[in-house]
Amino acid sequence: MLHDQKVVVVMPAYNAAQTLARTHAEVIAQQIADLIIVVDDASHDETVAIARNLDRVQVKVHPQNLGYGANQKTCYQLALAAGADIVVMIHPDYQYTPRLLPAMASLVASGLYP
């Protein structure tokens, strides 16, 4: 929670087994994510098995690769269905540091940005 708002982190995943646990650990370390949603887009590695063993993670698996745009849509749909007030996308391939999560969520929680 951040300012009494539910924060959901979404991770559109594809073959992210090597970096998923590290990314997840940094998200958890920020102490504001209420839920993490990993949507796997038919990976060929152990992404799903790793995701299913992580704390506070909901996993959705696409049975076939639908592409990045469809993966994002699924992420956002699931976050909204989970009652998210704030949704932040963090790529599980460690494209950028999850340490930015508090700053990104705070922009929305402050009411300055929708």
Protein backbone atom coordinates (compact mmCIF):
# COMPACT_ATOMS: atom_id res chain seq x y z
CA MET A 1 0.00 0.00 0.00
CA LEU A 2 1.04 3.52 -0.71
CA HIS A 3 -1.12 6.31 0.74
CA ASP A 4 -3.91 3.75 1.25
CA GLN A 5 -3.79 2.78 -2.43
CA LYS A 6 -3.26 -0.80 -3.59
CA VAL A 7 -0.08 -1.10 -5.64
CA VAL A 8 0.14 -3.93 -8.16
CA VAL A 9 3.34 -4.61 -10.07
CA VAL A 10 2.90 -6.34 -13.40
CA MET A 11 5.63 -8.26 -15.19
CA PRO A 12 5.14 -9.29 -18.82
CA ALA A 13 7.49 -12.27 -19.03
CA TYR A 14 9.07 -14.19 -21.86
CA ASN A 15 12.06 -16.43 -21.18
CA ALA A 16 12.95 -14.47 -18.04
CA ALA A 17 14.12 -17.39 -15.89
CA GLN A 18 17.62 -15.99 -15.41
CA THR A 19 16.51 -12.62 -14.06
CA LEU A 20 13.01 -13.09 -12.64
CA ALA A 21 13.99 -13.97 -9.06
CA ARG A 22 16.43 -11.05 -8.84
CA THR A 23 13.86 -8.62 -10.19
CA HIS A 24 11.20 -9.97 -7.83
CA ALA A 25 13.52 -9.65 -4.82
CA GLU A 26 14.14 -5.98 -5.62
CA VAL A 27 10.41 -5.32 -6.05
CA ILE A 28 9.70 -6.90 -2.66
CA ALA A 29 12.54 -4.91 -1.09
CA GLN A 30 10.78 -1.65 -1.99
CA GLN A 31 7.98 -2.63 0.46
CA ILE A 32 5.07 -1.07 -1.43
CA ALA A 33 3.85 -3.81 -3.80
CA ASP A 34 0.71 -5.52 -2.56
CA LEU A 35 0.68 -7.99 -5.43
CA ILE A 36 2.96 -8.95 -8.31
CA ILE A 37 1.40 -10.37 -11.46
CA VAL A 38 3.61 -12.32 -13.84
CA VAL A 39 2.11 -13.03 -17.25
CA ASP A 40 4.18 -15.59 -19.12
CA ASP A 41 3.91 -15.46 -22.89
CA ALA A 42 4.64 -19.14 -23.61
CA SER A 43 8.27 -19.13 -22.48
CA HIS A 44 10.57 -22.00 -23.38
CA ASP A 45 12.54 -21.84 -20.13
CA GLU A 46 11.72 -22.18 -16.42
CA THR A 47 10.04 -18.78 -16.07
CA VAL A 48 6.69 -20.21 -14.96
CA ALA A 49 8.16 -22.66 -12.45
CA ILE A 50 10.23 -19.90 -10.87
CA ALA A 51 7.31 -17.44 -10.79
CA ARG A 52 5.04 -19.96 -9.07
CA ASN A 53 7.51 -20.22 -6.19
CA LEU A 54 7.83 -16.49 -5.51
CA ASP A 55 6.09 -14.64 -2.69
CA ARG A 56 3.01 -12.50 -3.42
CA VAL A 57 2.94 -13.52 -7.10
CA GLN A 58 -0.08 -14.34 -9.23
CA VAL A 59 0.89 -16.21 -12.40
CA LYS A 60 -1.00 -16.29 -15.69
CA VAL A 61 0.33 -18.34 -18.60
CA HIS A 62 -0.54 -17.71 -22.23
CA PRO A 63 -0.74 -21.14 -23.91
CA GLN A 64 0.83 -19.67 -27.05
CA ASN A 65 2.97 -16.61 -27.62
CA LEU A 66 0.67 -13.65 -28.22
CA GLY A 67 3.35 -10.98 -28.37
CA TYR A 68 4.38 -8.13 -26.10
CA GLY A 69 1.28 -5.96 -26.66
CA ALA A 70 -1.13 -8.75 -25.80
CA ASN A 71 0.98 -9.64 -22.78
CA GLN A 72 0.75 -6.06 -21.53
CA LYS A 73 -3.02 -6.06 -21.99
CA THR A 74 -3.35 -9.25 -19.95
CA CYS A 75 -1.16 -7.72 -17.22
CA TYR A 76 -3.31 -4.62 -16.96
CA GLN A 77 -6.59 -6.55 -17.09
CA LEU A 78 -5.48 -8.80 -14.23
CA ALA A 79 -4.22 -5.85 -12.18
CA LEU A 80 -7.52 -4.04 -12.52
CA ALA A 81 -9.44 -7.24 -11.70
CA ALA A 82 -7.30 -7.53 -8.54
CA GLY A 83 -8.45 -4.08 -7.44
CA ALA A 84 -5.28 -2.14 -8.19
CA ASP A 85 -5.32 1.59 -7.58
CA ILE A 86 -1.79 1.95 -8.95
CA VAL A 87 -0.23 -0.33 -11.56
CA VAL A 88 3.48 -0.26 -12.33
CA MET A 89 5.08 -2.40 -15.02
CA ILE A 90 8.49 -3.77 -14.17
CA HIS A 91 10.16 -5.94 -16.79
CA PRO A 92 11.37 -9.23 -15.29
CA ASP A 93 14.40 -9.24 -17.58
CA TYR A 94 15.83 -6.44 -15.42
CA GLN A 95 15.49 -3.92 -18.22
CA TYR A 96 15.48 -1.22 -15.55
CA THR A 97 15.89 -1.35 -11.80
CA PRO A 98 12.87 -2.04 -9.59
CA ARG A 99 14.35 0.50 -7.17
CA LEU A 100 12.46 3.08 -9.28
CA LEU A 101 9.14 1.56 -8.15
CA PRO A 102 8.56 3.92 -5.17
CA ALA A 103 9.20 6.98 -7.32
CA MET A 104 6.92 5.78 -10.12
CA ALA A 105 4.09 4.78 -7.78
CA SER A 106 4.44 8.01 -5.81
CA LEU A 107 3.79 10.09 -8.93
CA VAL A 108 0.34 8.52 -9.12
CA ALA A 109 -0.31 8.26 -5.36
CA SER A 110 0.40 11.95 -4.90
CA GLY A 111 -2.55 12.86 -7.10
CA LEU A 112 -0.39 14.99 -9.38
CA TYR A 113 -0.55 12.44 -12.20
CA PRO A 114 -3.40 10.08 -13.09
